[in-house]
Protein backbone atom coordinates (compact mmCIF):
# COMPACT_ATOMS: atom_id res chain seq x y z
CA MET A 1 0.00 0.00 0.00
CA ASP A 2 1.23 3.50 -0.81
CA TYR A 3 1.66 5.90 2.09
CA ALA A 4 2.28 9.62 1.52
CA GLY A 5 3.65 8.92 -1.96
CA ILE A 6 7.12 8.16 -0.59
CA GLU A 7 6.82 4.74 1.03
CA ARG A 8 5.23 1.35 0.54
CA VAL A 9 3.81 -0.19 3.70
CA SER A 10 2.56 -3.59 4.73
CA ASN A 11 1.21 -5.18 7.87
CA LEU A 12 3.35 -7.86 9.45
CA PRO A 13 2.06 -11.26 10.60
CA ARG A 14 3.49 -10.69 14.08
CA LYS A 15 4.85 -7.85 16.17
CA LEU A 16 8.60 -7.19 16.01
CA SER A 17 10.63 -6.53 19.12
CA THR A 18 11.99 -3.00 19.50
CA GLN A 19 14.29 -3.94 22.37
CA ASP A 20 17.79 -2.47 21.91
CA ALA A 21 16.70 -0.77 18.68
CA PRO A 22 18.21 2.60 17.76
CA GLU A 23 15.99 5.60 18.39
CA GLY A 24 14.83 6.75 15.00
CA MET A 25 16.33 7.47 11.62
CA ALA A 26 16.11 9.65 8.51
CA PRO A 27 15.49 7.02 5.82
CA GLU A 28 16.92 7.20 2.33
CA ALA A 29 15.34 5.67 -0.78
CA GLY A 30 15.53 1.89 -0.54
CA GLU A 31 15.57 1.70 3.25
CA LEU A 32 13.54 -1.10 4.80
CA THR A 33 12.11 0.06 8.12
CA HIS A 34 9.79 -0.84 10.95
CA TYR A 35 7.31 1.81 12.04
CA ALA A 36 7.05 1.00 15.74
CA PRO A 37 3.74 2.71 16.66
CA TRP A 38 1.74 0.80 14.05
CA GLY A 39 3.98 -2.27 13.93
CA ASN A 40 4.22 -2.30 10.15
CA LEU A 41 6.93 -2.58 7.54
CA ALA A 42 7.83 0.37 5.31
CA ILE A 43 10.10 0.57 2.27
CA PHE A 44 10.95 4.13 1.30
CA ILE A 45 11.01 5.00 -2.38
CA GLU A 46 12.10 8.57 -1.58
CA PRO A 47 14.05 9.98 1.36
CA ARG A 48 12.26 11.62 4.27
CA SER A 49 13.18 13.59 7.35
CA TYR A 50 14.12 12.09 10.70
CA SER A 51 11.46 10.14 12.55
CA ARG A 52 11.99 8.96 16.12
CA THR A 53 9.64 6.00 15.58
CA LEU A 54 11.24 4.51 12.44
CA LEU A 55 13.64 1.66 13.05
CA PRO A 56 16.14 0.48 10.41
CA LEU A 57 15.88 -3.12 9.21
CA GLY A 58 17.84 -3.18 5.97
CA LYS A 59 18.16 -1.89 2.44
CA VAL A 60 16.62 -2.89 -0.89
CA ASP A 61 19.45 -3.78 -3.29
CA GLU A 62 17.38 -4.45 -6.42
CA GLY A 63 13.90 -3.70 -7.69
CA LEU A 64 13.27 -0.34 -6.07
CA SER A 65 12.06 1.03 -9.42
CA ILE A 66 9.34 -1.64 -9.45
CA LEU A 67 8.17 -0.57 -5.99
CA ALA A 68 7.91 3.01 -7.24
CA GLN A 69 5.14 1.92 -9.65
CA PRO A 70 1.47 1.78 -8.63
CA GLY A 71 0.50 -1.61 -7.14
CA PRO A 72 -0.81 -3.89 -5.96
CA TYR A 73 1.96 -6.45 -6.19
CA GLN A 74 3.51 -9.14 -4.05
CA VAL A 75 7.04 -8.77 -2.73
CA ARG A 76 9.29 -11.37 -1.19
CA ILE A 77 11.99 -10.14 1.17
CA GLU A 78 14.87 -12.41 2.08
CA ARG A 79 17.80 -11.92 4.37
CA ILE A 80 21.19 -12.11 2.68
CA GLU A 81 23.89 -13.67 4.82
CA ASP A 82 27.11 -11.70 5.19
C-alpha cells in the first residue's frame, strides 16, 4: 500500500521486538524500516526527514524502481547472509 507517496507499507504477521533498537532514523530511498507505533513494515522510495519511531531493518538492493510503480503487487523479502 502506498503511504504519503514516498513509502510502501505492509502489515506484518506478528509484532517485532523494538528492544535495543536505535531511536529513529532519517530514511533514504531503498531503506527497509519498521514503524514502531503501528507495527508495520515500510520501504521508502524517496528519502524523508528524521522520525523517532522509524527503526532500520535493511536496504533494498534491487527492484526499487518496481516498488515506485502503482500496485498492488507481491514482494518477497529475504535476508542475505554476510
